[in-house]
């Protein structure tokens, strides 16, 4: 998977914010991995990567909306359920 450095950081940030203990540990692996091992992580965990890329995108969009927007409440609730 090809991501920009900023996209990778946003995904890792979402993993740290909204993930459980496994996803948080996996986020650390994404931070520390060299190029070869980074590719291996993307191949091994495509569902997790896709989920947290989407959460990162949704979070950025939510930050652009007013704080009292109903979508922000839904995003916070989804993060708590994980």
C-alpha atoms as a PDB file:
ATOM      1  CA  UNK A   1       0.000   0.000   0.000  1.00  0.00           C
ATOM      2  CA  UNK A   2       1.283   3.434  -0.860  1.00  0.00           C
ATOM      3  CA  UNK A   3       0.685   6.138   1.698  1.00  0.00           C
ATOM      4  CA  UNK A   4       2.300   9.486   2.153  1.00  0.00           C
ATOM      5  CA  UNK A   5       4.251  10.014   5.346  1.00  0.00           C
ATOM      6  CA  UNK A   6       1.470  12.303   6.661  1.00  0.00           C
ATOM      7  CA  UNK A   7      -1.209   9.695   5.898  1.00  0.00           C
ATOM      8  CA  UNK A   8       0.786   7.057   7.750  1.00  0.00           C
ATOM      9  CA  UNK A   9       1.141   9.353  10.761  1.00  0.00           C
ATOM     10  CA  UNK A  10      -2.587  10.124  10.725  1.00  0.00           C
ATOM     11  CA  UNK A  11      -3.399   6.402  10.585  1.00  0.00           C
ATOM     12  CA  UNK A  12      -1.006   5.663  13.464  1.00  0.00           C
ATOM     13  CA  UNK A  13      -2.494   8.542  15.469  1.00  0.00           C
ATOM     14  CA  UNK A  14      -5.993   7.116  14.947  1.00  0.00           C
ATOM     15  CA  UNK A  15      -4.718   3.694  16.030  1.00  0.00           C
ATOM     16  CA  UNK A  16      -3.325   5.221  19.229  1.00  0.00           C
ATOM     17  CA  UNK A  17      -6.483   7.226  19.946  1.00  0.00           C
ATOM     18  CA  UNK A  18      -9.184   4.694  19.141  1.00  0.00           C
ATOM     19  CA  UNK A  19      -7.538   1.269  19.169  1.00  0.00           C
ATOM     20  CA  UNK A  20      -7.400  -1.389  21.817  1.00  0.00           C
ATOM     21  CA  UNK A  21      -4.159  -2.697  23.265  1.00  0.00           C
ATOM     22  CA  UNK A  22      -3.327  -4.835  20.212  1.00  0.00           C
ATOM     23  CA  UNK A  23      -3.932  -2.004  17.749  1.00  0.00           C
ATOM     24  CA  UNK A  24      -1.899   0.397  19.886  1.00  0.00           C
ATOM     25  CA  UNK A  25       1.004  -2.075  19.912  1.00  0.00           C
ATOM     26  CA  UNK A  26       0.623  -2.519  16.151  1.00  0.00           C
ATOM     27  CA  UNK A  27       0.787   1.271  15.739  1.00  0.00           C
ATOM     28  CA  UNK A  28       4.176   1.195  17.451  1.00  0.00           C
ATOM     29  CA  UNK A  29       5.294  -1.442  14.942  1.00  0.00           C
ATOM     30  CA  UNK A  30       4.234   0.835  12.056  1.00  0.00           C
ATOM     31  CA  UNK A  31       6.296   3.643  13.567  1.00  0.00           C
ATOM     32  CA  UNK A  32       9.427   1.525  14.055  1.00  0.00           C
ATOM     33  CA  UNK A  33       9.326  -0.617  10.897  1.00  0.00           C
ATOM     34  CA  UNK A  34      11.815  -0.215   8.073  1.00  0.00           C
ATOM     35  CA  UNK A  35      10.481  -0.191   4.492  1.00  0.00           C
ATOM     36  CA  UNK A  36      10.562  -3.989   4.113  1.00  0.00           C
ATOM     37  CA  UNK A  37       8.811  -4.668   7.407  1.00  0.00           C
ATOM     38  CA  UNK A  38       6.339  -1.854   6.793  1.00  0.00           C
ATOM     39  CA  UNK A  39       5.225  -3.645   3.629  1.00  0.00           C
ATOM     40  CA  UNK A  40       4.877  -6.859   5.629  1.00  0.00           C
ATOM     41  CA  UNK A  41       2.674  -5.106   8.191  1.00  0.00           C
ATOM     42  CA  UNK A  42       0.403  -3.695   5.480  1.00  0.00           C
ATOM     43  CA  UNK A  43       0.068  -7.188   3.950  1.00  0.00           C
ATOM     44  CA  UNK A  44      -0.519  -8.929   7.274  1.00  0.00           C
ATOM     45  CA  UNK A  45      -3.176  -6.536   8.612  1.00  0.00           C
ATOM     46  CA  UNK A  46      -5.075  -5.044   5.638  1.00  0.00           C
ATOM     47  CA  UNK A  47      -8.420  -4.867   7.494  1.00  0.00           C
ATOM     48  CA  UNK A  48      -6.928  -2.972  10.424  1.00  0.00           C
ATOM     49  CA  UNK A  49      -5.023  -0.628   8.112  1.00  0.00           C
ATOM     50  CA  UNK A  50      -8.162   0.112   6.064  1.00  0.00           C
ATOM     51  CA  UNK A  51     -10.244   0.694   9.181  1.00  0.00           C
ATOM     52  CA  UNK A  52      -7.833   3.166  10.761  1.00  0.00           C
ATOM     53  CA  UNK A  53      -7.157   4.986   7.495  1.00  0.00           C
ATOM     54  CA  UNK A  54     -10.912   5.566   7.320  1.00  0.00           C
ATOM     55  CA  UNK A  55     -11.106   6.597  10.981  1.00  0.00           C
ATOM     56  CA  UNK A  56      -8.242   9.061  10.403  1.00  0.00           C
ATOM     57  CA  UNK A  57     -10.060  10.536   7.397  1.00  0.00           C
ATOM     58  CA  UNK A  58     -13.331  10.759   9.309  1.00  0.00           C
ATOM     59  CA  UNK A  59     -11.560  12.385  12.256  1.00  0.00           C
ATOM     60  CA  UNK A  60     -10.028  15.039  10.015  1.00  0.00           C
ATOM     61  CA  UNK A  61     -13.447  15.736   8.518  1.00  0.00           C
ATOM     62  CA  UNK A  62     -15.022  15.915  11.989  1.00  0.00           C
ATOM     63  CA  UNK A  63     -12.406  18.433  13.106  1.00  0.00           C
ATOM     64  CA  UNK A  64     -13.545  20.709  10.305  1.00  0.00           C
ATOM     65  CA  UNK A  65     -17.173  20.617  11.527  1.00  0.00           C
ATOM     66  CA  UNK A  66     -18.566  22.566  14.486  1.00  0.00           C
ATOM     67  CA  UNK A  67     -18.156  20.749  17.805  1.00  0.00           C
ATOM     68  CA  UNK A  68     -21.903  20.450  18.310  1.00  0.00           C
ATOM     69  CA  UNK A  69     -22.424  18.624  14.981  1.00  0.00           C
ATOM     70  CA  UNK A  70     -24.168  15.245  15.503  1.00  0.00           C
ATOM     71  CA  UNK A  71     -21.481  13.468  13.462  1.00  0.00           C
ATOM     72  CA  UNK A  72     -18.889  14.282  16.126  1.00  0.00           C
ATOM     73  CA  UNK A  73     -20.968  12.514  18.789  1.00  0.00           C
ATOM     74  CA  UNK A  74     -21.161   9.402  16.610  1.00  0.00           C
ATOM     75  CA  UNK A  75     -17.386   9.385  16.023  1.00  0.00           C
ATOM     76  CA  UNK A  76     -16.653   9.694  19.752  1.00  0.00           C
ATOM     77  CA  UNK A  77     -19.063   6.848  20.520  1.00  0.00           C
ATOM     78  CA  UNK A  78     -17.471   4.605  17.864  1.00  0.00           C
ATOM     79  CA  UNK A  79     -14.033   5.247  19.345  1.00  0.00           C
ATOM     80  CA  UNK A  80     -15.272   4.201  22.794  1.00  0.00           C
ATOM     81  CA  UNK A  81     -16.687   0.899  21.524  1.00  0.00           C
ATOM     82  CA  UNK A  82     -13.359  -0.301  20.129  1.00  0.00           C
END
